[in-house]
PDB file of all heavy atoms in Angstrom:
ATOM      1  N   ALA A   1     -68.019-175.341 101.105  1.00  0.00           N
ATOM      2  CA  ALA A   1     -68.293-174.207 101.998  1.00  0.00           C
ATOM      3  C   ALA A   1     -68.393-174.657 103.453  1.00  0.00           C
ATOM      4  O   ALA A   1     -68.008-173.935 104.367  1.00  0.00           O
ATOM      5  CB  ALA A   1     -69.537-173.472 101.554  1.00  0.00           C
ATOM      6  N   ASP A   2     -68.918-175.851 103.656  1.00  0.00           N
ATOM      7  CA  ASP A   2     -69.012-176.394 105.013  1.00  0.00           C
ATOM      8  C   ASP A   2     -67.649-176.706 105.603  1.00  0.00           C
ATOM      9  O   ASP A   2     -67.515-176.803 106.823  1.00  0.00           O
ATOM     10  CB  ASP A   2     -69.859-177.680 105.030  1.00  0.00           C
ATOM     11  CG  ASP A   2     -71.326-177.419 104.892  1.00  0.00           C
ATOM     12  OD1 ASP A   2     -71.760-176.250 105.072  1.00  0.00           O
ATOM     13  OD2 ASP A   2     -72.071-178.384 104.579  1.00  0.00           O
ATOM     14  N   ARG A   3     -66.638-176.893 104.760  1.00  0.00           N
ATOM     15  CA  ARG A   3     -65.324-177.277 105.239  1.00  0.00           C
ATOM     16  C   ARG A   3     -64.283-176.184 105.172  1.00  0.00           C
ATOM     17  O   ARG A   3     -63.247-176.257 105.813  1.00  0.00           O
ATOM     18  CB  ARG A   3     -64.839-178.492 104.434  1.00  0.00           C
ATOM     19  CG  ARG A   3     -65.530-179.745 104.917  1.00  0.00           C
ATOM     20  CD  ARG A   3     -65.824-180.729 103.819  1.00  0.00           C
ATOM     21  NE  ARG A   3     -66.595-181.827 104.333  1.00  0.00           N
ATOM     22  CZ  ARG A   3     -67.912-181.850 104.463  1.00  0.00           C
ATOM     23  NH1 ARG A   3     -68.611-180.787 104.129  1.00  0.00           N
ATOM     24  NH2 ARG A   3     -68.545-182.890 104.944  1.00  0.00           N
ATOM     25  N   ILE A   4     -64.539-175.167 104.367  1.00  0.00           N
ATOM     26  CA  ILE A   4     -63.597-174.060 104.185  1.00  0.00           C
ATOM     27  C   ILE A   4     -64.252-172.800 104.692  1.00  0.00           C
ATOM     28  O   ILE A   4     -65.025-172.182 103.991  1.00  0.00           O
ATOM     29  CB  ILE A   4     -63.195-173.917 102.703  1.00  0.00           C
ATOM     30  CG1 ILE A   4     -62.601-175.227 102.179  1.00  0.00           C
ATOM     31  CG2 ILE A   4     -62.218-172.776 102.523  1.00  0.00           C
ATOM     32  CD1 ILE A   4     -62.379-175.253 100.679  1.00  0.00           C
ATOM     33  N   ASP A   5     -63.925-172.429 105.894  1.00  0.00           N
ATOM     34  CA  ASP A   5     -64.552-171.276 106.532  1.00  0.00           C
ATOM     35  C   ASP A   5     -64.064-169.962 105.950  1.00  0.00           C
ATOM     36  O   ASP A   5     -62.850-169.700 105.912  1.00  0.00           O
ATOM     37  CB  ASP A   5     -64.299-171.288 108.029  1.00  0.00           C
ATOM     38  CG  ASP A   5     -64.936-172.472 108.727  1.00  0.00           C
ATOM     39  OD1 ASP A   5     -66.021-172.877 108.286  1.00  0.00           O
ATOM     40  OD2 ASP A   5     -64.365-172.958 109.713  1.00  0.00           O
ATOM     41  N   GLY A   6     -65.003-169.143 105.492  1.00  0.00           N
ATOM     42  CA  GLY A   6     -64.703-167.772 105.107  1.00  0.00           C
ATOM     43  C   GLY A   6     -63.890-167.570 103.834  1.00  0.00           C
ATOM     44  O   GLY A   6     -63.424-166.477 103.595  1.00  0.00           O
ATOM     45  N   THR A   7     -63.705-168.580 103.055  1.00  0.00           N
ATOM     46  CA  THR A   7     -62.916-168.454 101.819  1.00  0.00           C
ATOM     47  C   THR A   7     -63.863-168.473 100.620  1.00  0.00           C
ATOM     48  O   THR A   7     -64.658-169.390 100.462  1.00  0.00           O
ATOM     49  CB  THR A   7     -61.905-169.602 101.679  1.00  0.00           C
ATOM     50  OG1 THR A   7     -61.024-169.581 102.810  1.00  0.00           O
ATOM     51  CG2 THR A   7     -61.095-169.442 100.415  1.00  0.00           C
ATOM     52  N   GLU A   8     -63.785-167.420  99.812  1.00  0.00           N
ATOM     53  CA  GLU A   8     -64.559-167.385  98.575  1.00  0.00           C
ATOM     54  C   GLU A   8     -63.901-168.307  97.559  1.00  0.00           C
ATOM     55  O   GLU A   8     -62.699-168.167  97.300  1.00  0.00           O
ATOM     56  CB  GLU A   8     -64.597-165.962  98.025  1.00  0.00           C
ATOM     57  CG  GLU A   8     -65.441-165.007  98.851  1.00  0.00           C
ATOM     58  CD  GLU A   8     -66.911-165.197  98.639  1.00  0.00           C
ATOM     59  OE1 GLU A   8     -67.315-165.533  97.508  1.00  0.00           O
ATOM     60  OE2 GLU A   8     -67.660-164.986  99.610  1.00  0.00           O
ATOM     61  N   LEU A   9     -64.651-169.231  97.047  1.00  0.00           N
ATOM     62  CA  LEU A   9     -64.093-170.156  96.062  1.00  0.00           C
ATOM     63  C   LEU A   9     -64.445-169.724  94.652  1.00  0.00           C
ATOM     64  O   LEU A   9     -65.604-169.537  94.326  1.00  0.00           O
ATOM     65  CB  LEU A   9     -64.631-171.567  96.295  1.00  0.00           C
ATOM     66  CG  LEU A   9     -64.092-172.333  97.484  1.00  0.00           C
ATOM     67  CD1 LEU A   9     -64.720-173.704  97.543  1.00  0.00           C
ATOM     68  CD2 LEU A   9     -62.590-172.472  97.407  1.00  0.00           C
ATOM     69  N   GLU A  10     -63.431-169.582  93.860  1.00  0.00           N
ATOM     70  CA  GLU A  10     -63.584-169.357  92.412  1.00  0.00           C
ATOM     71  C   GLU A  10     -63.254-170.704  91.759  1.00  0.00           C
ATOM     72  O   GLU A  10     -62.719-171.595  92.404  1.00  0.00           O
ATOM     73  CB  GLU A  10     -62.621-168.280  91.917  1.00  0.00           C
ATOM     74  CG  GLU A  10     -62.826-166.930  92.593  1.00  0.00           C
ATOM     75  CD  GLU A  10     -64.125-166.273  92.233  1.00  0.00           C
ATOM     76  OE1 GLU A  10     -64.630-166.516  91.111  1.00  0.00           O
ATOM     77  OE2 GLU A  10     -64.669-165.512  93.048  1.00  0.00           O
ATOM     78  N   ASP A  11     -63.507-170.818  90.483  1.00  0.00           N
ATOM     79  CA  ASP A  11     -63.226-172.076  89.790  1.00  0.00           C
ATOM     80  C   ASP A  11     -61.743-172.468  89.845  1.00  0.00           C
ATOM     81  O   ASP A  11     -61.422-173.634  89.793  1.00  0.00           O
ATOM     82  CB  ASP A  11     -63.673-172.019  88.332  1.00  0.00           C
ATOM     83  CG  ASP A  11     -65.173-172.262  88.184  1.00  0.00           C
ATOM     84  OD1 ASP A  11     -65.848-172.497  89.205  1.00  0.00           O
ATOM     85  OD2 ASP A  11     -65.666-172.228  87.045  1.00  0.00           O
ATOM     86  N   ASP A  12     -60.867-171.469  89.936  1.00  0.00           N
ATOM     87  CA  ASP A  12     -59.425-171.764  89.915  1.00  0.00           C
ATOM     88  C   ASP A  12     -58.745-171.617  91.290  1.00  0.00           C
ATOM     89  O   ASP A  12     -57.523-171.662  91.382  1.00  0.00           O
ATOM     90  CB  ASP A  12     -58.723-170.911  88.885  1.00  0.00           C
ATOM     91  CG  ASP A  12     -58.856-169.422  89.164  1.00  0.00           C
ATOM     92  OD1 ASP A  12     -59.676-169.006  90.027  1.00  0.00           O
ATOM     93  OD2 ASP A  12     -58.160-168.638  88.502  1.00  0.00           O
ATOM     94  N   THR A  13     -59.525-171.453  92.365  1.00  0.00           N
ATOM     95  CA  THR A  13     -58.942-171.348  93.701  1.00  0.00           C
ATOM     96  C   THR A  13     -58.359-172.704  94.106  1.00  0.00           C
ATOM     97  O   THR A  13     -59.072-173.707  94.145  1.00  0.00           O
ATOM     98  CB  THR A  13     -60.010-170.970  94.743  1.00  0.00           C
ATOM     99  OG1 THR A  13     -60.620-169.746  94.361  1.00  0.00           O
ATOM    100  CG2 THR A  13     -59.404-170.837  96.131  1.00  0.00           C
ATOM    101  N   PRO A  14     -57.036-172.758  94.373  1.00  0.00           N
ATOM    102  CA  PRO A  14     -56.446-174.035  94.813  1.00  0.00           C
ATOM    103  C   PRO A  14     -57.003-174.413  96.183  1.00  0.00           C
ATOM    104  O   PRO A  14     -56.946-173.614  97.113  1.00  0.00           O
ATOM    105  CB  PRO A  14     -54.946-173.743  94.895  1.00  0.00           C
ATOM    106  CG  PRO A  14     -54.745-172.384  94.335  1.00  0.00           C
ATOM    107  CD  PRO A  14     -56.042-171.705  94.300  1.00  0.00           C
ATOM    108  N   ILE A  15     -57.536-175.586  96.305  1.00  0.00           N
ATOM    109  CA  ILE A  15     -58.121-175.976  97.591  1.00  0.00           C
ATOM    110  C   ILE A  15     -57.229-176.931  98.382  1.00  0.00           C
ATOM    111  O   ILE A  15     -57.227-176.888  99.599  1.00  0.00           O
ATOM    112  CB  ILE A  15     -59.535-176.570  97.439  1.00  0.00           C
ATOM    113  CG1 ILE A  15     -59.535-177.769  96.503  1.00  0.00           C
ATOM    114  CG2 ILE A  15     -60.499-175.496  96.962  1.00  0.00           C
ATOM    115  CD1 ILE A  15     -60.870-178.477  96.417  1.00  0.00           C
ATOM    116  N   PHE A  16     -56.461-177.734  97.690  1.00  0.00           N
ATOM    117  CA  PHE A  16     -55.580-178.693  98.394  1.00  0.00           C
ATOM    118  C   PHE A  16     -54.170-178.133  98.502  1.00  0.00           C
ATOM    119  O   PHE A  16     -53.602-178.077  99.587  1.00  0.00           O
ATOM    120  CB  PHE A  16     -55.602-180.060  97.707  1.00  0.00           C
ATOM    121  CG  PHE A  16     -54.857-181.112  98.467  1.00  0.00           C
ATOM    122  CD1 PHE A  16     -55.394-181.647  99.624  1.00  0.00           C
ATOM    123  CD2 PHE A  16     -53.626-181.554  98.040  1.00  0.00           C
ATOM    124  CE1 PHE A  16     -54.707-182.622 100.336  1.00  0.00           C
ATOM    125  CE2 PHE A  16     -52.932-182.519  98.737  1.00  0.00           C
ATOM    126  CZ  PHE A  16     -53.463-183.050  99.907  1.00  0.00           C
ATOM    127  N   SER A  17     -53.599-177.713  97.391  1.00  0.00           N
ATOM    128  CA  SER A  17     -52.214-177.249  97.401  1.00  0.00           C
ATOM    129  C   SER A  17     -52.033-175.973  98.239  1.00  0.00           C
ATOM    130  O   SER A  17     -50.939-175.695  98.705  1.00  0.00           O
ATOM    131  CB  SER A  17     -51.664-177.037  95.989  1.00  0.00           C
ATOM    132  OG  SER A  17     -52.391-176.009  95.332  1.00  0.00           O
ATOM    133  N   SER A  18     -53.121-175.218  98.462  1.00  0.00           N
ATOM    134  CA  SER A  18     -53.046-174.024  99.279  1.00  0.00           C
ATOM    135  C   SER A  18     -53.272-174.314 100.761  1.00  0.00           C
ATOM    136  O   SER A  18     -53.135-173.426 101.584  1.00  0.00           O
ATOM    137  CB  SER A  18     -54.074-173.002  98.812  1.00  0.00           C
ATOM    138  OG  SER A  18     -55.382-173.491  99.085  1.00  0.00           O
ATOM    139  N   GLY A  19     -53.680-175.549 101.075  1.00  0.00           N
ATOM    140  CA  GLY A  19     -53.907-175.912 102.457  1.00  0.00           C
ATOM    141  C   GLY A  19     -55.320-175.660 102.952  1.00  0.00           C
ATOM    142  O   GLY A  19     -55.603-175.810 104.146  1.00  0.00           O
ATOM    143  N   LEU A  20     -56.242-175.276 102.055  1.00  0.00           N
ATOM    144  CA  LEU A  20     -57.626-175.065 102.480  1.00  0.00           C
ATOM    145  C   LEU A  20     -58.273-176.354 102.981  1.00  0.00           C
ATOM    146  O   LEU A  20     -59.109-176.319 103.868  1.00  0.00           O
ATOM    147  CB  LEU A  20     -58.458-174.445 101.343  1.00  0.00           C
ATOM    148  CG  LEU A  20     -58.120-172.998 100.997  1.00  0.00           C
ATOM    149  CD1 LEU A  20     -58.916-172.570  99.770  1.00  0.00           C
ATOM    150  CD2 LEU A  20     -58.405-172.069 102.171  1.00  0.00           C
ATOM    151  N   ILE A  21     -57.905-177.453 102.341  1.00  0.00           N
ATOM    152  CA  ILE A  21     -58.328-178.766 102.847  1.00  0.00           C
ATOM    153  C   ILE A  21     -57.088-179.642 102.978  1.00  0.00           C
ATOM    154  O   ILE A  21     -56.096-179.421 102.286  1.00  0.00           O
ATOM    155  CB  ILE A  21     -59.396-179.454 101.970  1.00  0.00           C
ATOM    156  CG1 ILE A  21     -58.858-179.790 100.566  1.00  0.00           C
ATOM    157  CG2 ILE A  21     -60.660-178.623 101.877  1.00  0.00           C
ATOM    158  CD1 ILE A  21     -59.814-180.636  99.751  1.00  0.00           C
ATOM    159  N   ASP A  22     -57.149-180.611 103.870  1.00  0.00           N
ATOM    160  CA  ASP A  22     -56.011-181.502 104.074  1.00  0.00           C
ATOM    161  C   ASP A  22     -56.328-182.882 103.494  1.00  0.00           C
ATOM    162  O   ASP A  22     -57.367-183.097 102.876  1.00  0.00           O
ATOM    163  CB  ASP A  22     -55.632-181.577 105.554  1.00  0.00           C
ATOM    164  CG  ASP A  22     -56.731-182.104 106.439  1.00  0.00           C
ATOM    165  OD1 ASP A  22     -57.659-182.821 105.936  1.00  0.00           O
ATOM    166  OD2 ASP A  22     -56.704-181.842 107.642  1.00  0.00           O
ATOM    167  N   SER A  23     -55.424-183.809 103.719  1.00  0.00           N
ATOM    168  CA  SER A  23     -55.574-185.143 103.111  1.00  0.00           C
ATOM    169  C   SER A  23     -56.801-185.877 103.644  1.00  0.00           C
ATOM    170  O   SER A  23     -57.429-186.639 102.917  1.00  0.00           O
ATOM    171  CB  SER A  23     -54.313-185.973 103.307  1.00  0.00           C
ATOM    172  OG  SER A  23     -54.010-186.076 104.685  1.00  0.00           O
ATOM    173  N   PHE A  24     -57.168-185.638 104.898  1.00  0.00           N
ATOM    174  CA  PHE A  24     -58.371-186.276 105.445  1.00  0.00           C
ATOM    175  C   PHE A  24     -59.612-185.715 104.762  1.00  0.00           C
ATOM    176  O   PHE A  24     -60.540-186.459 104.427  1.00  0.00           O
ATOM    177  CB  PHE A  24     -58.464-186.083 106.963  1.00  0.00           C
ATOM    178  CG  PHE A  24     -57.357-186.795 107.704  1.00  0.00           C
ATOM    179  CD1 PHE A  24     -56.337-186.068 108.287  1.00  0.00           C
ATOM    180  CD2 PHE A  24     -57.335-188.170 107.797  1.00  0.00           C
ATOM    181  CE1 PHE A  24     -55.314-186.705 108.953  1.00  0.00           C
ATOM    182  CE2 PHE A  24     -56.333-188.819 108.472  1.00  0.00           C
ATOM    183  CZ  PHE A  24     -55.303-188.097 109.058  1.00  0.00           C
ATOM    184  N   ASP A  25     -59.627-184.402 104.568  1.00  0.00           N
ATOM    185  CA  ASP A  25     -60.744-183.767 103.864  1.00  0.00           C
ATOM    186  C   ASP A  25     -60.809-184.253 102.412  1.00  0.00           C
ATOM    187  O   ASP A  25     -61.893-184.397 101.854  1.00  0.00           O
ATOM    188  CB  ASP A  25     -60.595-182.242 103.870  1.00  0.00           C
ATOM    189  CG  ASP A  25     -60.749-181.648 105.244  1.00  0.00           C
ATOM    190  OD1 ASP A  25     -61.554-182.140 106.046  1.00  0.00           O
ATOM    191  OD2 ASP A  25     -60.036-180.630 105.516  1.00  0.00           O
ATOM    192  N   MET A  26     -59.649-184.500 101.821  1.00  0.00           N
ATOM    193  CA  MET A  26     -59.611-184.961 100.440  1.00  0.00           C
ATOM    194  C   MET A  26     -60.282-186.321 100.302  1.00  0.00           C
ATOM    195  O   MET A  26     -61.037-186.573  99.362  1.00  0.00           O
ATOM    196  CB  MET A  26     -58.186-185.024  99.907  1.00  0.00           C
ATOM    197  CG  MET A  26     -58.085-185.461  98.467  1.00  0.00           C
ATOM    198  SD  MET A  26     -58.893-184.362  97.285  1.00  0.00           S
ATOM    199  CE  MET A  26     -57.567-183.191  97.033  1.00  0.00           C
ATOM    200  N   VAL A  27     -60.045-187.190 101.255  1.00  0.00           N
ATOM    201  CA  VAL A  27     -60.686-188.522 101.230  1.00  0.00           C
ATOM    202  C   VAL A  27     -62.203-188.350 101.315  1.00  0.00           C
ATOM    203  O   VAL A  27     -62.944-188.961 100.539  1.00  0.00           O
ATOM    204  CB  VAL A  27     -60.171-189.398 102.396  1.00  0.00           C
ATOM    205  CG1 VAL A  27     -60.991-190.676 102.513  1.00  0.00           C
ATOM    206  CG2 VAL A  27     -58.702-189.722 102.224  1.00  0.00           C
ATOM    207  N   ASP A  28     -62.668-187.481 102.211  1.00  0.00           N
ATOM    208  CA  ASP A  28     -64.105-187.230 102.321  1.00  0.00           C
ATOM    209  C   ASP A  28     -64.656-186.614 101.044  1.00  0.00           C
ATOM    210  O   ASP A  28     -65.759-186.959 100.605  1.00  0.00           O
ATOM    211  CB  ASP A  28     -64.401-186.295 103.504  1.00  0.00           C
ATOM    212  CG  ASP A  28     -64.194-186.967 104.838  1.00  0.00           C
ATOM    213  OD1 ASP A  28     -64.217-188.227 104.902  1.00  0.00           O
ATOM    214  OD2 ASP A  28     -63.983-186.238 105.839  1.00  0.00           O
ATOM    215  N   LEU A  29     -63.903-185.723 100.433  1.00  0.00           N
ATOM    216  CA  LEU A  29     -64.316-185.081  99.178  1.00  0.00           C
ATOM    217  C   LEU A  29     -64.470-186.134  98.070  1.00  0.00           C
ATOM    218  O   LEU A  29     -65.466-186.125  97.344  1.00  0.00           O
ATOM    219  CB  LEU A  29     -63.306-184.012  98.776  1.00  0.00           C
ATOM    220  CG  LEU A  29     -63.542-183.339  97.421  1.00  0.00           C
ATOM    221  CD1 LEU A  29     -64.870-182.611  97.396  1.00  0.00           C
ATOM    222  CD2 LEU A  29     -62.382-182.365  97.132  1.00  0.00           C
ATOM    223  N   VAL A  30     -63.521-187.012  97.968  1.00  0.00           N
ATOM    224  CA  VAL A  30     -63.588-188.065  96.948  1.00  0.00           C
ATOM    225  C   VAL A  30     -64.821-188.955  97.176  1.00  0.00           C
ATOM    226  O   VAL A  30     -65.559-189.246  96.226  1.00  0.00           O
ATOM    227  CB  VAL A  30     -62.302-188.928  96.925  1.00  0.00           C
ATOM    228  CG1 VAL A  30     -62.474-190.187  96.103  1.00  0.00           C
ATOM    229  CG2 VAL A  30     -61.136-188.075  96.411  1.00  0.00           C
ATOM    230  N   LEU A  31     -65.071-189.318  98.410  1.00  0.00           N
ATOM    231  CA  LEU A  31     -66.260-190.143  98.709  1.00  0.00           C
ATOM    232  C   LEU A  31     -67.544-189.403  98.369  1.00  0.00           C
ATOM    233  O   LEU A  31     -68.500-189.981  97.821  1.00  0.00           O
ATOM    234  CB  LEU A  31     -66.251-190.545 100.188  1.00  0.00           C
ATOM    235  CG  LEU A  31     -65.136-191.508 100.583  1.00  0.00           C
ATOM    236  CD1 LEU A  31     -65.122-191.711 102.110  1.00  0.00           C
ATOM    237  CD2 LEU A  31     -65.252-192.838  99.876  1.00  0.00           C
ATOM    238  N   PHE A  32     -67.589-188.088  98.664  1.00  0.00           N
ATOM    239  CA  PHE A  32     -68.754-187.257  98.338  1.00  0.00           C
ATOM    240  C   PHE A  32     -68.972-187.245  96.837  1.00  0.00           C
ATOM    241  O   PHE A  32     -70.098-187.432  96.362  1.00  0.00           O
ATOM    242  CB  PHE A  32     -68.532-185.843  98.888  1.00  0.00           C
ATOM    243  CG  PHE A  32     -69.568-184.862  98.409  1.00  0.00           C
ATOM    244  CD1 PHE A  32     -70.803-184.806  99.021  1.00  0.00           C
ATOM    245  CD2 PHE A  32     -69.290-183.997  97.363  1.00  0.00           C
ATOM    246  CE1 PHE A  32     -71.759-183.907  98.583  1.00  0.00           C
ATOM    247  CE2 PHE A  32     -70.242-183.088  96.923  1.00  0.00           C
ATOM    248  CZ  PHE A  32     -71.475-183.050  97.524  1.00  0.00           C
ATOM    249  N   ILE A  33     -67.910-187.009  96.078  1.00  0.00           N
ATOM    250  CA  ILE A  33     -68.018-186.934  94.619  1.00  0.00           C
ATOM    251  C   ILE A  33     -68.458-188.272  94.039  1.00  0.00           C
ATOM    252  O   ILE A  33     -69.321-188.328  93.155  1.00  0.00           O
ATOM    253  CB  ILE A  33     -66.714-186.462  93.981  1.00  0.00           C
ATOM    254  CG1 ILE A  33     -66.447-185.009  94.386  1.00  0.00           C
ATOM    255  CG2 ILE A  33     -66.732-186.609  92.456  1.00  0.00           C
ATOM    256  CD1 ILE A  33     -65.044-184.534  94.081  1.00  0.00           C
ATOM    257  N   GLU A  34     -67.869-189.360  94.538  1.00  0.00           N
ATOM    258  CA  GLU A  34     -68.287-190.692  94.055  1.00  0.00           C
ATOM    259  C   GLU A  34     -69.784-190.900  94.275  1.00  0.00           C
ATOM    260  O   GLU A  34     -70.491-191.391  93.374  1.00  0.00           O
ATOM    261  CB  GLU A  34     -67.489-191.769  94.764  1.00  0.00           C
ATOM    262  CG  GLU A  34     -66.067-191.906  94.266  1.00  0.00           C
ATOM    263  CD  GLU A  34     -65.324-193.037  94.941  1.00  0.00           C
ATOM    264  OE1 GLU A  34     -65.575-193.336  96.136  1.00  0.00           O
ATOM    265  OE2 GLU A  34     -64.489-193.655  94.271  1.00  0.00           O
ATOM    266  N   LYS A  35     -70.261-190.538  95.441  1.00  0.00           N
ATOM    267  CA  LYS A  35     -71.666-190.733  95.763  1.00  0.00           C
ATOM    268  C   LYS A  35     -72.573-189.847  94.908  1.00  0.00           C
ATOM    269  O   LYS A  35     -73.522-190.323  94.291  1.00  0.00           O
ATOM    270  CB  LYS A  35     -71.909-190.442  97.242  1.00  0.00           C
ATOM    271  CG  LYS A  35     -73.343-190.586  97.662  1.00  0.00           C
ATOM    272  CD  LYS A  35     -73.551-190.247  99.102  1.00  0.00           C
ATOM    273  CE  LYS A  35     -75.038-190.283  99.428  1.00  0.00           C
ATOM    274  NZ  LYS A  35     -75.369-189.408 100.533  1.00  0.00           N
ATOM    275  N   GLU A  36     -72.262-188.549  94.860  1.00  0.00           N
ATOM    276  CA  GLU A  36     -73.094-187.592  94.154  1.00  0.00           C
ATOM    277  C   GLU A  36     -73.087-187.779  92.632  1.00  0.00           C
ATOM    278  O   GLU A  36     -74.106-187.589  91.986  1.00  0.00           O
ATOM    279  CB  GLU A  36     -72.707-186.162  94.512  1.00  0.00           C
ATOM    280  CG  GLU A  36     -73.030-185.776  95.916  1.00  0.00           C
ATOM    281  CD  GLU A  36     -74.505-185.829  96.241  1.00  0.00           C
ATOM    282  OE1 GLU A  36     -75.340-185.396  95.405  1.00  0.00           O
ATOM    283  OE2 GLU A  36     -74.848-186.297  97.355  1.00  0.00           O
ATOM    284  N   ALA A  37     -71.929-188.128  92.081  1.00  0.00           N
ATOM    285  CA  ALA A  37     -71.795-188.272  90.634  1.00  0.00           C
ATOM    286  C   ALA A  37     -71.994-189.709  90.183  1.00  0.00           C
ATOM    287  O   ALA A  37     -72.061-189.972  88.983  1.00  0.00           O
ATOM    288  CB  ALA A  37     -70.425-187.775  90.194  1.00  0.00           C
ATOM    289  N   GLY A  38     -72.097-190.637  91.128  1.00  0.00           N
ATOM    290  CA  GLY A  38     -72.272-192.033  90.757  1.00  0.00           C
ATOM    291  C   GLY A  38     -71.043-192.609  90.086  1.00  0.00           C
ATOM    292  O   GLY A  38     -71.157-193.428  89.182  1.00  0.00           O
ATOM    293  N   LEU A  39     -69.884-192.192  90.542  1.00  0.00           N
ATOM    294  CA  LEU A  39     -68.618-192.637  89.961  1.00  0.00           C
ATOM    295  C   LEU A  39     -67.868-193.517  90.946  1.00  0.00           C
ATOM    296  O   LEU A  39     -68.043-193.379  92.158  1.00  0.00           O
ATOM    297  CB  LEU A  39     -67.727-191.455  89.605  1.00  0.00           C
ATOM    298  CG  LEU A  39     -68.244-190.457  88.604  1.00  0.00           C
ATOM    299  CD1 LEU A  39     -67.268-189.293  88.501  1.00  0.00           C
ATOM    300  CD2 LEU A  39     -68.453-191.097  87.254  1.00  0.00           C
ATOM    301  N   GLU A  40     -67.006-194.358  90.423  1.00  0.00           N
ATOM    302  CA  GLU A  40     -66.065-195.089  91.251  1.00  0.00           C
ATOM    303  C   GLU A  40     -64.689-194.729  90.737  1.00  0.00           C
ATOM    304  O   GLU A  40     -64.365-195.000  89.593  1.00  0.00           O
ATOM    305  CB  GLU A  40     -66.285-196.605  91.156  1.00  0.00           C
ATOM    306  CG  GLU A  40     -65.406-197.376  92.091  1.00  0.00           C
ATOM    307  CD  GLU A  40     -65.732-198.850  92.097  1.00  0.00           C
ATOM    308  OE1 GLU A  40     -66.927-199.218  92.051  1.00  0.00           O
ATOM    309  OE2 GLU A  40     -64.780-199.640  92.141  1.00  0.00           O
ATOM    310  N   MET A  41     -63.913-194.065  91.578  1.00  0.00           N
ATOM    311  CA  MET A  41     -62.604-193.568  91.139  1.00  0.00           C
ATOM    312  C   MET A  41     -61.483-194.539  91.514  1.00  0.00           C
ATOM    313  O   MET A  41     -61.571-195.214  92.538  1.00  0.00           O
ATOM    314  CB  MET A  41     -62.339-192.203  91.761  1.00  0.00           C
ATOM    315  CG  MET A  41     -63.222-191.137  91.168  1.00  0.00           C
ATOM    316  SD  MET A  41     -62.860-189.553  91.885  1.00  0.00           S
ATOM    317  CE  MET A  41     -64.360-189.296  92.789  1.00  0.00           C
ATOM    318  N   GLN A  42     -60.468-194.522  90.703  1.00  0.00           N
ATOM    319  CA  GLN A  42     -59.249-195.265  90.958  1.00  0.00           C
ATOM    320  C   GLN A  42     -58.250-194.359  91.663  1.00  0.00           C
ATOM    321  O   GLN A  42     -58.269-193.138  91.451  1.00  0.00           O
ATOM    322  CB  GLN A  42     -58.641-195.791  89.665  1.00  0.00           C
ATOM    323  CG  GLN A  42     -59.594-196.652  88.844  1.00  0.00           C
ATOM    324  CD  GLN A  42     -60.016-197.890  89.607  1.00  0.00           C
ATOM    325  OE1 GLN A  42     -59.198-198.595  90.179  1.00  0.00           O
ATOM    326  NE2 GLN A  42     -61.313-198.152  89.623  1.00  0.00           N
ATOM    327  N   ALA A  43     -57.393-194.909  92.481  1.00  0.00           N
ATOM    328  CA  ALA A  43     -56.430-194.122  93.247  1.00  0.00           C
ATOM    329  C   ALA A  43     -55.579-193.238  92.298  1.00  0.00           C
ATOM    330  O   ALA A  43     -55.244-192.102  92.631  1.00  0.00           O
ATOM    331  CB  ALA A  43     -55.539-195.011  94.070  1.00  0.00           C
ATOM    332  N   ALA A  44     -55.235-193.756  91.134  1.00  0.00           N
ATOM    333  CA  ALA A  44     -54.399-193.005  90.190  1.00  0.00           C
ATOM    334  C   ALA A  44     -55.080-191.757  89.658  1.00  0.00           C
ATOM    335  O   ALA A  44     -54.425-190.837  89.162  1.00  0.00           O
ATOM    336  CB  ALA A  44     -53.988-193.911  89.039  1.00  0.00           C
ATOM    337  N   GLU A  45     -56.397-191.690  89.745  1.00  0.00           N
ATOM    338  CA  GLU A  45     -57.139-190.520  89.268  1.00  0.00           C
ATOM    339  C   GLU A  45     -57.188-189.389  90.277  1.00  0.00           C
ATOM    340  O   GLU A  45     -57.504-188.262  89.940  1.00  0.00           O
ATOM    341  CB  GLU A  45     -58.571-190.917  88.905  1.00  0.00           C
ATOM    342  CG  GLU A  45     -58.679-191.886  87.779  1.00  0.00           C
ATOM    343  CD  GLU A  45     -60.091-192.374  87.547  1.00  0.00           C
ATOM    344  OE1 GLU A  45     -60.755-192.787  88.522  1.00  0.00           O
ATOM    345  OE2 GLU A  45     -60.518-192.293  86.382  1.00  0.00           O
ATOM    346  N   ILE A  46     -56.869-189.686  91.510  1.00  0.00           N
ATOM    347  CA  ILE A  46     -56.974-188.702  92.584  1.00  0.00           C
ATOM    348  C   ILE A  46     -55.638-187.944  92.660  1.00  0.00           C
ATOM    349  O   ILE A  46     -54.750-188.283  93.420  1.00  0.00           O
ATOM    350  CB  ILE A  46     -57.351-189.389  93.906  1.00  0.00           C
ATOM    351  CG1 ILE A  46     -58.625-190.155  93.722  1.00  0.00           C
ATOM    352  CG2 ILE A  46     -57.486-188.335  95.015  1.00  0.00           C
ATOM    353  CD1 ILE A  46     -58.954-191.101  94.844  1.00  0.00           C
ATOM    354  N   THR A  47     -55.547-186.927  91.810  1.00  0.00           N
ATOM    355  CA  THR A  47     -54.335-186.130  91.682  1.00  0.00           C
ATOM    356  C   THR A  47     -54.675-184.648  91.801  1.00  0.00           C
ATOM    357  O   THR A  47     -55.834-184.261  91.703  1.00  0.00           O
ATOM    358  CB  THR A  47     -53.667-186.377  90.312  1.00  0.00           C
ATOM    359  OG1 THR A  47     -54.573-185.898  89.294  1.00  0.00           O
ATOM    360  CG2 THR A  47     -53.361-187.841  90.077  1.00  0.00           C
ATOM    361  N   LEU A  48     -53.654-183.829  91.990  1.00  0.00           N
ATOM    362  CA  LEU A  48     -53.864-182.378  91.974  1.00  0.00           C
ATOM    363  C   LEU A  48     -54.402-181.910  90.631  1.00  0.00           C
ATOM    364  O   LEU A  48     -55.191-180.980  90.571  1.00  0.00           O
ATOM    365  CB  LEU A  48     -52.570-181.634  92.313  1.00  0.00           C
ATOM    366  CG  LEU A  48     -52.100-181.707  93.760  1.00  0.00           C
ATOM    367  CD1 LEU A  48     -50.808-180.951  93.935  1.00  0.00           C
ATOM    368  CD2 LEU A  48     -53.163-181.182  94.714  1.00  0.00           C
TER     369      LEU A  48
END
């Protein structure tokens, strides 16, 4: 919500393929998820 102004997000709302976030935002999103979920992701897992 802090990054996508005025867009209601449903579980199936495309956020990357629709252009709501870009590749820079995606990197930040991955870092956020790794931190919050305590995960370390591999590059191959970061897919649409």
